[in-house]
Amino acid sequence: MPYLYSDPTRESDPHALPDVWILEVTAEEAAEQDEELMRDYLRRFPLAAMNSGERDRMLSAMIEEEGITGGWTWCYCFPGCLPESSAMGVYATRAEAEAAAREASERD
């Protein structure tokens, strides 16, 4: 199930909905989420914004040079709705992403 409750005690509430979306991402998707890194590499690959082949070469360079891997991310949202936040992190396992989401919601 891609959705979970940030507060597990709400799972038994018949009126509560899950509010966190857990998503598996590829290395390419993880690279695209890093806006600062994308800006840096767009300086080296200026045509990547207009040419898909050049964009693929840029993403491949980012992944290889920065050691980017795929993994799991999370964001706040409700089922059937668009995300309410940017995707957070890239975690090695789904369990790590779930723990990070619950920890973040405790701080908020």
PDB file of N, CA and C in Angstrom:
ATOM      1  N   MET A   1       0.845  -1.179   0.000  1.00  0.00           N
ATOM      2  CA  MET A   1       0.000   0.000   0.000  1.00  0.00           C
ATOM      3  C   MET A   1       0.892   1.243   0.000  1.00  0.00           C
ATOM      4  N   PRO A   2       0.682   2.163  -0.927  1.00  0.00           N
ATOM      5  CA  PRO A   2       1.551   3.333  -0.999  1.00  0.00           C
ATOM      6  C   PRO A   2       1.249   4.409   0.047  1.00  0.00           C
ATOM      7  N   TYR A   3       0.131   4.304   0.731  1.00  0.00           N
ATOM      8  CA  TYR A   3      -0.240   5.316   1.717  1.00  0.00           C
ATOM      9  C   TYR A   3      -0.087   4.779   3.133  1.00  0.00           C
ATOM     10  N   LEU A   4       0.233   5.668   4.065  1.00  0.00           N
ATOM     11  CA  LEU A   4       0.273   5.281   5.467  1.00  0.00           C
ATOM     12  C   LEU A   4      -0.106   6.479   6.319  1.00  0.00           C
ATOM     13  N   TYR A   5      -0.370   6.213   7.574  1.00  0.00           N
ATOM     14  CA  TYR A   5      -0.712   7.257   8.527  1.00  0.00           C
ATOM     15  C   TYR A   5       0.566   7.782   9.161  1.00  0.00           C
ATOM     16  N   SER A   6       0.737   9.104   9.175  1.00  0.00           N
ATOM     17  CA  SER A   6       1.909   9.662   9.846  1.00  0.00           C
ATOM     18  C   SER A   6       1.822   9.400  11.343  1.00  0.00           C
ATOM     19  N   ASP A   7       0.610   9.312  11.852  1.00  0.00           N
ATOM     20  CA  ASP A   7       0.367   8.983  13.252  1.00  0.00           C
ATOM     21  C   ASP A   7      -0.354   7.634  13.292  1.00  0.00           C
ATOM     22  N   PRO A   8       0.348   6.546  13.610  1.00  0.00           N
ATOM     23  CA  PRO A   8      -0.264   5.210  13.559  1.00  0.00           C
ATOM     24  C   PRO A   8      -1.478   5.039  14.472  1.00  0.00           C
ATOM     25  N   THR A   9      -1.610   5.867  15.490  1.00  0.00           N
ATOM     26  CA  THR A   9      -2.768   5.739  16.383  1.00  0.00           C
ATOM     27  C   THR A   9      -4.070   6.141  15.682  1.00  0.00           C
ATOM     28  N   ARG A  10      -3.973   6.838  14.559  1.00  0.00           N
ATOM     29  CA  ARG A  10      -5.179   7.261  13.822  1.00  0.00           C
ATOM     30  C   ARG A  10      -5.735   6.170  12.915  1.00  0.00           C
ATOM     31  N   GLU A  11      -4.978   5.079  12.743  1.00  0.00           N
ATOM     32  CA  GLU A  11      -5.427   4.013  11.846  1.00  0.00           C
ATOM     33  C   GLU A  11      -6.774   3.428  12.250  1.00  0.00           C
ATOM     34  N   SER A  12      -7.077   3.408  13.543  1.00  0.00           N
ATOM     35  CA  SER A  12      -8.343   2.839  14.007  1.00  0.00           C
ATOM     36  C   SER A  12      -9.498   3.831  13.931  1.00  0.00           C
ATOM     37  N   ASP A  13      -9.222   5.095  13.658  1.00  0.00           N
ATOM     38  CA  ASP A  13     -10.268   6.117  13.540  1.00  0.00           C
ATOM     39  C   ASP A  13     -10.970   5.957  12.198  1.00  0.00           C
ATOM     40  N   PRO A  14     -12.265   5.640  12.185  1.00  0.00           N
ATOM     41  CA  PRO A  14     -12.957   5.401  10.916  1.00  0.00           C
ATOM     42  C   PRO A  14     -13.082   6.656  10.050  1.00  0.00           C
ATOM     43  N   HIS A  15     -12.817   7.834  10.613  1.00  0.00           N
ATOM     44  CA  HIS A  15     -12.935   9.085   9.861  1.00  0.00           C
ATOM     45  C   HIS A  15     -11.579   9.633   9.405  1.00  0.00           C
ATOM     46  N   ALA A  16     -10.513   8.967   9.756  1.00  0.00           N
ATOM     47  CA  ALA A  16      -9.171   9.430   9.391  1.00  0.00           C
ATOM     48  C   ALA A  16      -8.717   8.767   8.085  1.00  0.00           C
ATOM     49  N   LEU A  17      -7.947   9.505   7.331  1.00  0.00           N
ATOM     50  CA  LEU A  17      -7.360   8.986   6.101  1.00  0.00           C
ATOM     51  C   LEU A  17      -5.843   8.967   6.223  1.00  0.00           C
ATOM     52  N   PRO A  18      -5.190   8.049   5.520  1.00  0.00           N
ATOM     53  CA  PRO A  18      -3.722   8.090   5.513  1.00  0.00           C
ATOM     54  C   PRO A  18      -3.259   9.410   4.907  1.00  0.00           C
ATOM     55  N   ASP A  19      -2.154   9.947   5.400  1.00  0.00           N
ATOM     56  CA  ASP A  19      -1.715  11.263   4.943  1.00  0.00           C
ATOM     57  C   ASP A  19      -0.274  11.305   4.443  1.00  0.00           C
ATOM     58  N   VAL A  20       0.337  10.146   4.244  1.00  0.00           N
ATOM     59  CA  VAL A  20       1.700  10.080   3.718  1.00  0.00           C
ATOM     60  C   VAL A  20       1.712   9.098   2.555  1.00  0.00           C
ATOM     61  N   TRP A  21       2.389   9.499   1.495  1.00  0.00           N
ATOM     62  CA  TRP A  21       2.518   8.655   0.310  1.00  0.00           C
ATOM     63  C   TRP A  21       3.969   8.205   0.223  1.00  0.00           C
ATOM     64  N   ILE A  22       4.203   6.900   0.175  1.00  0.00           N
ATOM     65  CA  ILE A  22       5.531   6.314   0.040  1.00  0.00           C
ATOM     66  C   ILE A  22       5.701   5.896  -1.419  1.00  0.00           C
ATOM     67  N   LEU A  23       6.827   6.295  -2.007  1.00  0.00           N
ATOM     68  CA  LEU A  23       7.021   6.082  -3.433  1.00  0.00           C
ATOM     69  C   LEU A  23       8.426   5.578  -3.711  1.00  0.00           C
ATOM     70  N   GLU A  24       8.550   4.545  -4.536  1.00  0.00           N
ATOM     71  CA  GLU A  24       9.868   4.056  -4.952  1.00  0.00           C
ATOM     72  C   GLU A  24      10.300   4.840  -6.191  1.00  0.00           C
ATOM     73  N   VAL A  25      11.560   5.301  -6.212  1.00  0.00           N
ATOM     74  CA  VAL A  25      12.063   6.085  -7.335  1.00  0.00           C
ATOM     75  C   VAL A  25      13.317   5.442  -7.913  1.00  0.00           C
ATOM     76  N   THR A  26      13.520   5.675  -9.200  1.00  0.00           N
ATOM     77  CA  THR A  26      14.729   5.201  -9.870  1.00  0.00           C
ATOM     78  C   THR A  26      15.864   6.199  -9.610  1.00  0.00           C
ATOM     79  N   ALA A  27      17.060   5.849 -10.001  1.00  0.00           N
ATOM     80  CA  ALA A  27      18.192   6.759  -9.855  1.00  0.00           C
ATOM     81  C   ALA A  27      17.962   8.030 -10.664  1.00  0.00           C
ATOM     82  N   GLU A  28      17.375   7.909 -11.858  1.00  0.00           N
ATOM     83  CA  GLU A  28      17.090   9.084 -12.683  1.00  0.00           C
ATOM     84  C   GLU A  28      16.102  10.017 -11.984  1.00  0.00           C
ATOM     85  N   GLU A  29      15.054   9.439 -11.410  1.00  0.00           N
ATOM     86  CA  GLU A  29      14.062  10.261 -10.704  1.00  0.00           C
ATOM     87  C   GLU A  29      14.673  10.918  -9.474  1.00  0.00           C
ATOM     88  N   ALA A  30      15.534  10.189  -8.771  1.00  0.00           N
ATOM     89  CA  ALA A  30      16.202  10.757  -7.603  1.00  0.00           C
ATOM     90  C   ALA A  30      17.098  11.916  -8.013  1.00  0.00           C
ATOM     91  N   ALA A  31      17.810  11.774  -9.122  1.00  0.00           N
ATOM     92  CA  ALA A  31      18.685  12.846  -9.608  1.00  0.00           C
ATOM     93  C   ALA A  31      17.869  14.082  -9.975  1.00  0.00           C
ATOM     94  N   GLU A  32      16.735  13.886 -10.621  1.00  0.00           N
ATOM     95  CA  GLU A  32      15.891  15.014 -11.032  1.00  0.00           C
ATOM     96  C   GLU A  32      15.304  15.762  -9.841  1.00  0.00           C
ATOM     97  N   GLN A  33      15.171  15.116  -8.704  1.00  0.00           N
ATOM     98  CA  GLN A  33      14.607  15.772  -7.516  1.00  0.00           C
ATOM     99  C   GLN A  33      15.581  16.741  -6.859  1.00  0.00           C
ATOM    100  N   ASP A  34      16.865  16.590  -7.116  1.00  0.00           N
ATOM    101  CA  ASP A  34      17.874  17.451  -6.511  1.00  0.00           C
ATOM    102  C   ASP A  34      18.035  18.709  -7.372  1.00  0.00           C
ATOM    103  N   GLU A  35      17.293  19.754  -7.028  1.00  0.00           N
ATOM    104  CA  GLU A  35      17.251  20.964  -7.852  1.00  0.00           C
ATOM    105  C   GLU A  35      18.612  21.647  -7.963  1.00  0.00           C
ATOM    106  N   GLU A  36      19.355  21.693  -6.876  1.00  0.00           N
ATOM    107  CA  GLU A  36      20.661  22.346  -6.907  1.00  0.00           C
ATOM    108  C   GLU A  36      21.624  21.593  -7.829  1.00  0.00           C
ATOM    109  N   LEU A  37      21.622  20.286  -7.720  1.00  0.00           N
ATOM    110  CA  LEU A  37      22.486  19.470  -8.575  1.00  0.00           C
ATOM    111  C   LEU A  37      22.068  19.606 -10.039  1.00  0.00           C
ATOM    112  N   MET A  38      20.764  19.651 -10.298  1.00  0.00           N
ATOM    113  CA  MET A  38      20.275  19.838 -11.670  1.00  0.00           C
ATOM    114  C   MET A  38      20.790  21.161 -12.238  1.00  0.00           C
ATOM    115  N   ARG A  39      20.733  22.230 -11.450  1.00  0.00           N
ATOM    116  CA  ARG A  39      21.239  23.532 -11.915  1.00  0.00           C
ATOM    117  C   ARG A  39      22.728  23.448 -12.256  1.00  0.00           C
ATOM    118  N   ASP A  40      23.499  22.795 -11.391  1.00  0.00           N
ATOM    119  CA  ASP A  40      24.938  22.653 -11.635  1.00  0.00           C
ATOM    120  C   ASP A  40      25.208  21.904 -12.941  1.00  0.00           C
ATOM    121  N   TYR A  41      24.496  20.816 -13.159  1.00  0.00           N
ATOM    122  CA  TYR A  41      24.742  20.009 -14.354  1.00  0.00           C
ATOM    123  C   TYR A  41      24.173  20.658 -15.610  1.00  0.00           C
ATOM    124  N   LEU A  42      23.137  21.483 -15.474  1.00  0.00           N
ATOM    125  CA  LEU A  42      22.619  22.190 -16.645  1.00  0.00           C
ATOM    126  C   LEU A  42      23.627  23.215 -17.165  1.00  0.00           C
ATOM    127  N   ARG A  43      24.506  23.681 -16.296  1.00  0.00           N
ATOM    128  CA  ARG A  43      25.576  24.576 -16.755  1.00  0.00           C
ATOM    129  C   ARG A  43      26.550  23.813 -17.652  1.00  0.00           C
ATOM    130  N   ARG A  44      26.793  22.540 -17.316  1.00  0.00           N
ATOM    131  CA  ARG A  44      27.691  21.703 -18.117  1.00  0.00           C
ATOM    132  C   ARG A  44      27.017  21.151 -19.363  1.00  0.00           C
ATOM    133  N   PHE A  45      25.699  20.949 -19.285  1.00  0.00           N
ATOM    134  CA  PHE A  45      24.926  20.388 -20.394  1.00  0.00           C
ATOM    135  C   PHE A  45      23.802  21.376 -20.742  1.00  0.00           C
ATOM    136  N   PRO A  46      24.119  22.532 -21.320  1.00  0.00           N
ATOM    137  CA  PRO A  46      23.108  23.569 -21.534  1.00  0.00           C
ATOM    138  C   PRO A  46      21.972  23.161 -22.470  1.00  0.00           C
ATOM    139  N   LEU A  47      22.198  22.217 -23.354  1.00  0.00           N
ATOM    140  CA  LEU A  47      21.143  21.797 -24.277  1.00  0.00           C
ATOM    141  C   LEU A  47      20.201  20.761 -23.671  1.00  0.00           C
ATOM    142  N   ALA A  48      20.486  20.305 -22.458  1.00  0.00           N
ATOM    143  CA  ALA A  48      19.657  19.274 -21.825  1.00  0.00           C
ATOM    144  C   ALA A  48      18.222  19.754 -21.592  1.00  0.00           C
ATOM    145  N   ALA A  49      18.032  21.050 -21.497  1.00  0.00           N
ATOM    146  CA  ALA A  49      16.678  21.583 -21.298  1.00  0.00           C
ATOM    147  C   ALA A  49      15.849  21.511 -22.580  1.00  0.00           C
ATOM    148  N   MET A  50      16.525  21.313 -23.732  1.00  0.00           N
ATOM    149  CA  MET A  50      15.813  21.322 -25.016  1.00  0.00           C
ATOM    150  C   MET A  50      15.912  20.011 -25.783  1.00  0.00           C
ATOM    151  N   ASN A  51      16.816  19.129 -25.374  1.00  0.00           N
ATOM    152  CA  ASN A  51      17.080  17.925 -26.153  1.00  0.00           C
ATOM    153  C   ASN A  51      17.063  16.711 -25.224  1.00  0.00           C
ATOM    154  N   SER A  52      16.178  15.768 -25.502  1.00  0.00           N
ATOM    155  CA  SER A  52      16.033  14.610 -24.606  1.00  0.00           C
ATOM    156  C   SER A  52      17.280  13.735 -24.585  1.00  0.00           C
ATOM    157  N   GLY A  53      17.977  13.616 -25.704  1.00  0.00           N
ATOM    158  CA  GLY A  53      19.209  12.825 -25.718  1.00  0.00           C
ATOM    159  C   GLY A  53      20.279  13.448 -24.839  1.00  0.00           C
ATOM    160  N   GLU A  54      20.383  14.776 -24.917  1.00  0.00           N
ATOM    161  CA  GLU A  54      21.348  15.485 -24.085  1.00  0.00           C
ATOM    162  C   GLU A  54      20.947  15.406 -22.612  1.00  0.00           C
ATOM    163  N   ARG A  55      19.638  15.434 -22.345  1.00  0.00           N
ATOM    164  CA  ARG A  55      19.151  15.301 -20.964  1.00  0.00           C
ATOM    165  C   ARG A  55      19.501  13.915 -20.413  1.00  0.00           C
ATOM    166  N   ASP A  56      19.333  12.884 -21.231  1.00  0.00           N
ATOM    167  CA  ASP A  56      19.698  11.534 -20.799  1.00  0.00           C
ATOM    168  C   ASP A  56      21.190  11.434 -20.490  1.00  0.00           C
ATOM    169  N   ARG A  57      22.028  12.064 -21.341  1.00  0.00           N
ATOM    170  CA  ARG A  57      23.475  12.070 -21.085  1.00  0.00           C
ATOM    171  C   ARG A  57      23.789  12.814 -19.789  1.00  0.00           C
ATOM    172  N   MET A  58      23.092  13.925 -19.549  1.00  0.00           N
ATOM    173  CA  MET A  58      23.309  14.693 -18.324  1.00  0.00           C
ATOM    174  C   MET A  58      22.926  13.862 -17.093  1.00  0.00           C
ATOM    175  N   LEU A  59      21.766  13.203 -17.139  1.00  0.00           N
ATOM    176  CA  LEU A  59      21.336  12.382 -16.008  1.00  0.00           C
ATOM    177  C   LEU A  59      22.292  11.217 -15.777  1.00  0.00           C
ATOM    178  N   SER A  60      22.769  10.604 -16.838  1.00  0.00           N
ATOM    179  CA  SER A  60      23.736   9.510 -16.696  1.00  0.00           C
ATOM    180  C   SER A  60      25.018  10.006 -16.035  1.00  0.00           C
ATOM    181  N   ALA A  61      25.479  11.192 -16.442  1.00  0.00           N
ATOM    182  CA  ALA A  61      26.680  11.765 -15.832  1.00  0.00           C
ATOM    183  C   ALA A  61      26.438  12.065 -14.357  1.00  0.00           C
ATOM    184  N   MET A  62      25.278  12.615 -14.022  1.00  0.00           N
ATOM    185  CA  MET A  62      24.950  12.912 -12.626  1.00  0.00           C
ATOM    186  C   MET A  62      24.978  11.647 -11.781  1.00  0.00           C
ATOM    187  N   ILE A  63      24.338  10.606 -12.272  1.00  0.00           N
ATOM    188  CA  ILE A  63      24.235   9.353 -11.529  1.00  0.00           C
ATOM    189  C   ILE A  63      25.609   8.737 -11.314  1.00  0.00           C
ATOM    190  N   GLU A  64      26.409   8.713 -12.375  1.00  0.00           N
ATOM    191  CA  GLU A  64      27.731   8.103 -12.277  1.00  0.00           C
ATOM    192  C   GLU A  64      28.667   8.930 -11.391  1.00  0.00           C
ATOM    193  N   GLU A  65      28.737  10.234 -11.624  1.00  0.00           N
ATOM    194  CA  GLU A  65      29.687  11.080 -10.903  1.00  0.00           C
ATOM    195  C   GLU A  65      29.310  11.309  -9.441  1.00  0.00           C
ATOM    196  N   GLU A  66      28.014  11.383  -9.159  1.00  0.00           N
ATOM    197  CA  GLU A  66      27.552  11.675  -7.796  1.00  0.00           C
ATOM    198  C   GLU A  66      27.195  10.417  -7.013  1.00  0.00           C
ATOM    199  N   GLY A  67      27.193   9.253  -7.679  1.00  0.00           N
ATOM    200  CA  GLY A  67      26.863   8.003  -6.998  1.00  0.00           C
ATOM    201  C   GLY A  67      25.399   7.935  -6.570  1.00  0.00           C
ATOM    202  N   ILE A  68      24.524   8.495  -7.370  1.00  0.00           N
ATOM    203  CA  ILE A  68      23.096   8.527  -7.041  1.00  0.00           C
ATOM    204  C   ILE A  68      22.488   7.155  -7.291  1.00  0.00           C
ATOM    205  N   THR A  69      21.664   6.720  -6.353  1.00  0.00           N
ATOM    206  CA  THR A  69      20.956   5.446  -6.508  1.00  0.00           C
ATOM    207  C   THR A  69      19.462   5.683  -6.349  1.00  0.00           C
ATOM    208  N   GLY A  70      18.692   4.734  -6.765  1.00  0.00           N
ATOM    209  CA  GLY A  70      17.254   4.795  -6.549  1.00  0.00           C
ATOM    210  C   GLY A  70      16.946   4.456  -5.098  1.00  0.00           C
ATOM    211  N   GLY A  71      15.701   4.514  -4.748  1.00  0.00           N
ATOM    212  CA  GLY A  71      15.307   4.191  -3.381  1.00  0.00           C
ATOM    213  C   GLY A  71      13.860   4.572  -3.135  1.00  0.00           C
ATOM    214  N   TRP A  72      13.595   4.998  -1.925  1.00  0.00           N
ATOM    215  CA  TRP A  72      12.234   5.305  -1.493  1.00  0.00           C
ATOM    216  C   TRP A  72      12.146   6.752  -1.016  1.00  0.00           C
ATOM    217  N   THR A  73      11.057   7.430  -1.362  1.00  0.00           N
ATOM    218  CA  THR A  73      10.799   8.793  -0.906  1.00  0.00           C
ATOM    219  C   THR A  73       9.412   8.832  -0.279  1.00  0.00           C
ATOM    220  N   TRP A  74       9.098   9.958   0.352  1.00  0.00           N
ATOM    221  CA  TRP A  74       7.765  10.123   0.925  1.00  0.00           C
ATOM    222  C   TRP A  74       7.338  11.579   0.778  1.00  0.00           C
ATOM    223  N   CYS A  75       6.038  11.814   0.792  1.00  0.00           N
ATOM    224  CA  CYS A  75       5.505  13.173   0.806  1.00  0.00           C
ATOM    225  C   CYS A  75       4.127  13.136   1.470  1.00  0.00           C
ATOM    226  N   TYR A  76       3.697  14.291   1.944  1.00  0.00           N
ATOM    227  CA  TYR A  76       2.371  14.410   2.547  1.00  0.00           C
ATOM    228  C   TYR A  76       1.323  14.506   1.446  1.00  0.00           C
ATOM    229  N   CYS A  77       0.210  13.804   1.599  1.00  0.00           N
ATOM    230  CA  CYS A  77      -0.926  13.910   0.698  1.00  0.00           C
ATOM    231  C   CYS A  77      -2.064  13.039   1.229  1.00  0.00           C
ATOM    232  N   PHE A  78      -3.198  13.145   0.598  1.00  0.00           N
ATOM    233  CA  PHE A  78      -4.340  12.301   0.925  1.00  0.00           C
ATOM    234  C   PHE A  78      -4.626  11.407  -0.276  1.00  0.00           C
ATOM    235  N   PRO A  79      -5.171  10.210  -0.069  1.00  0.00           N
ATOM    236  CA  PRO A  79      -5.459   9.304  -1.187  1.00  0.00           C
ATOM    237  C   PRO A  79      -6.312   9.988  -2.256  1.00  0.00           C
ATOM    238  N   GLY A  80      -5.907   9.843  -3.493  1.00  0.00           N
ATOM    239  CA  GLY A  80      -6.652  10.417  -4.597  1.00  0.00           C
ATOM    240  C   GLY A  80      -6.368  11.889  -4.831  1.00  0.00           C
ATOM    241  N   CYS A  81      -5.490  12.486  -4.053  1.00  0.00           N
ATOM    242  CA  CYS A  81      -5.159  13.903  -4.193  1.00  0.00           C
ATOM    243  C   CYS A  81      -3.702  14.073  -4.596  1.00  0.00           C
ATOM    244  N   LEU A  82      -3.401  15.242  -5.101  1.00  0.00           N
ATOM    245  CA  LEU A  82      -2.017  15.555  -5.432  1.00  0.00           C
ATOM    246  C   LEU A  82      -1.200  15.716  -4.160  1.00  0.00           C
ATOM    247  N   PRO A  83       0.096  15.463  -4.224  1.00  0.00           N
ATOM    248  CA  PRO A  83       0.944  15.655  -3.035  1.00  0.00           C
ATOM    249  C   PRO A  83       0.887  17.093  -2.532  1.00  0.00           C
ATOM    250  N   GLU A  84       0.981  17.244  -1.215  1.00  0.00           N
ATOM    251  CA  GLU A  84       0.963  18.560  -0.589  1.00  0.00           C
ATOM    252  C   GLU A  84       2.365  19.056  -0.276  1.00  0.00           C
ATOM    253  N   SER A  85       3.372  18.232  -0.517  1.00  0.00           N
ATOM    254  CA  SER A  85       4.753  18.622  -0.243  1.00  0.00           C
ATOM    255  C   SER A  85       5.660  18.029  -1.308  1.00  0.00           C
ATOM    256  N   SER A  86       6.891  18.499  -1.327  1.00  0.00           N
ATOM    257  CA  SER A  86       7.891  17.894  -2.209  1.00  0.00           C
ATOM    258  C   SER A  86       8.256  16.522  -1.666  1.00  0.00           C
ATOM    259  N   ALA A  87       8.788  15.682  -2.540  1.00  0.00           N
ATOM    260  CA  ALA A  87       9.250  14.373  -2.091  1.00  0.00           C
ATOM    261  C   ALA A  87      10.446  14.569  -1.166  1.00  0.00           C
ATOM    262  N   MET A  88      10.459  13.839  -0.082  1.00  0.00           N
ATOM    263  CA  MET A  88      11.519  13.954   0.914  1.00  0.00           C
ATOM    264  C   MET A  88      12.471  12.774   0.820  1.00  0.00           C
ATOM    265  N   GLY A  89      13.741  13.096   0.726  1.00  0.00           N
ATOM    266  CA  GLY A  89      14.798  12.104   0.805  1.00  0.00           C
ATOM    267  C   GLY A  89      14.785  11.054  -0.273  1.00  0.00           C
ATOM    268  N   VAL A  90      15.808  10.269  -0.255  1.00  0.00           N
ATOM    269  CA  VAL A  90      15.869   8.996  -0.960  1.00  0.00           C
ATOM    270  C   VAL A  90      16.461   8.044   0.060  1.00  0.00           C
ATOM    271  N   TYR A  91      15.654   7.102   0.487  1.00  0.00           N
ATOM    272  CA  TYR A  91      16.036   6.150   1.524  1.00  0.00           C
ATOM    273  C   TYR A  91      16.251   4.786   0.901  1.00  0.00           C
ATOM    274  N   ALA A  92      17.132   4.021   1.484  1.00  0.00           N
ATOM    275  CA  ALA A  92      17.487   2.702   0.941  1.00  0.00           C
ATOM    276  C   ALA A  92      16.320   1.722   0.993  1.00  0.00           C
ATOM    277  N   THR A  93      15.491   1.804   2.029  1.00  0.00           N
ATOM    278  CA  THR A  93      14.374   0.863   2.165  1.00  0.00           C
ATOM    279  C   THR A  93      13.073   1.615   2.420  1.00  0.00           C
ATOM    280  N   ARG A  94      11.995   0.920   2.166  1.00  0.00           N
ATOM    281  CA  ARG A  94      10.672   1.496   2.439  1.00  0.00           C
ATOM    282  C   ARG A  94      10.508   1.773   3.935  1.00  0.00           C
ATOM    283  N   ALA A  95      11.017   0.863   4.765  1.00  0.00           N
ATOM    284  CA  ALA A  95      10.901   1.024   6.218  1.00  0.00           C
ATOM    285  C   ALA A  95      11.603   2.298   6.689  1.00  0.00           C
ATOM    286  N   GLU A  96      12.770   2.602   6.098  1.00  0.00           N
ATOM    287  CA  GLU A  96      13.475   3.832   6.466  1.00  0.00           C
ATOM    288  C   GLU A  96      12.669   5.063   6.060  1.00  0.00           C
ATOM    289  N   ALA A  97      12.045   5.027   4.885  1.00  0.00           N
ATOM    290  CA  ALA A  97      11.218   6.154   4.431  1.00  0.00           C
ATOM    291  C   ALA A  97      10.009   6.336   5.349  1.00  0.00           C
ATOM    292  N   GLU A  98       9.371   5.243   5.747  1.00  0.00           N
ATOM    293  CA  GLU A  98       8.229   5.315   6.655  1.00  0.00           C
ATOM    294  C   GLU A  98       8.646   5.895   8.001  1.00  0.00           C
ATOM    295  N   ALA A  99       9.770   5.439   8.529  1.00  0.00           N
ATOM    296  CA  ALA A  99      10.254   5.949   9.816  1.00  0.00           C
ATOM    297  C   ALA A  99      10.570   7.437   9.725  1.00  0.00           C
ATOM    298  N   ALA A 100      11.180   7.868   8.628  1.00  0.00           N
ATOM    299  CA  ALA A 100      11.500   9.295   8.446  1.00  0.00           C
ATOM    300  C   ALA A 100      10.233  10.133   8.359  1.00  0.00           C
ATOM    301  N   ALA A 101       9.218   9.628   7.671  1.00  0.00           N
ATOM    302  CA  ALA A 101       7.952  10.364   7.549  1.00  0.00           C
ATOM    303  C   ALA A 101       7.279  10.512   8.909  1.00  0.00           C
ATOM    304  N   ARG A 102       7.266   9.453   9.681  1.00  0.00           N
ATOM    305  CA  ARG A 102       6.638   9.521  11.002  1.00  0.00           C
ATOM    306  C   ARG A 102       7.430  10.427  11.940  1.00  0.00           C
ATOM    307  N   GLU A 103       8.754  10.373  11.856  1.00  0.00           N
ATOM    308  CA  GLU A 103       9.583  11.241  12.685  1.00  0.00           C
ATOM    309  C   GLU A 103       9.365  12.713  12.318  1.00  0.00           C
ATOM    310  N   ALA A 104       9.276  13.002  11.023  1.00  0.00           N
ATOM    311  CA  ALA A 104       9.042  14.383  10.584  1.00  0.00           C
ATOM    312  C   ALA A 104       7.683  14.893  11.036  1.00  0.00           C
ATOM    313  N   SER A 105       6.670  14.031  11.002  1.00  0.00           N
ATOM    314  CA  SER A 105       5.337  14.478  11.415  1.00  0.00           C
ATOM    315  C   SER A 105       5.271  14.725  12.919  1.00  0.00           C
ATOM    316  N   GLU A 106       6.098  14.044  13.689  1.00  0.00           N
ATOM    317  CA  GLU A 106       6.149  14.292  15.129  1.00  0.00           C
ATOM    318  C   GLU A 106       6.730  15.672  15.417  1.00  0.00           C
ATOM    319  N   ARG A 107       7.691  16.107  14.589  1.00  0.00           N
ATOM    320  CA  ARG A 107       8.307  17.415  14.768  1.00  0.00           C
ATOM    321  C   ARG A 107       7.381  18.538  14.338  1.00  0.00           C
ATOM    322  N   ASP A 108       6.520  18.271  13.352  1.00  0.00           N
ATOM    323  CA  ASP A 108       5.643  19.328  12.800  1.00  0.00           C
ATOM    324  C   ASP A 108       4.525  19.697  13.702  1.00  0.00           C
TER     325      ASP A 108
END
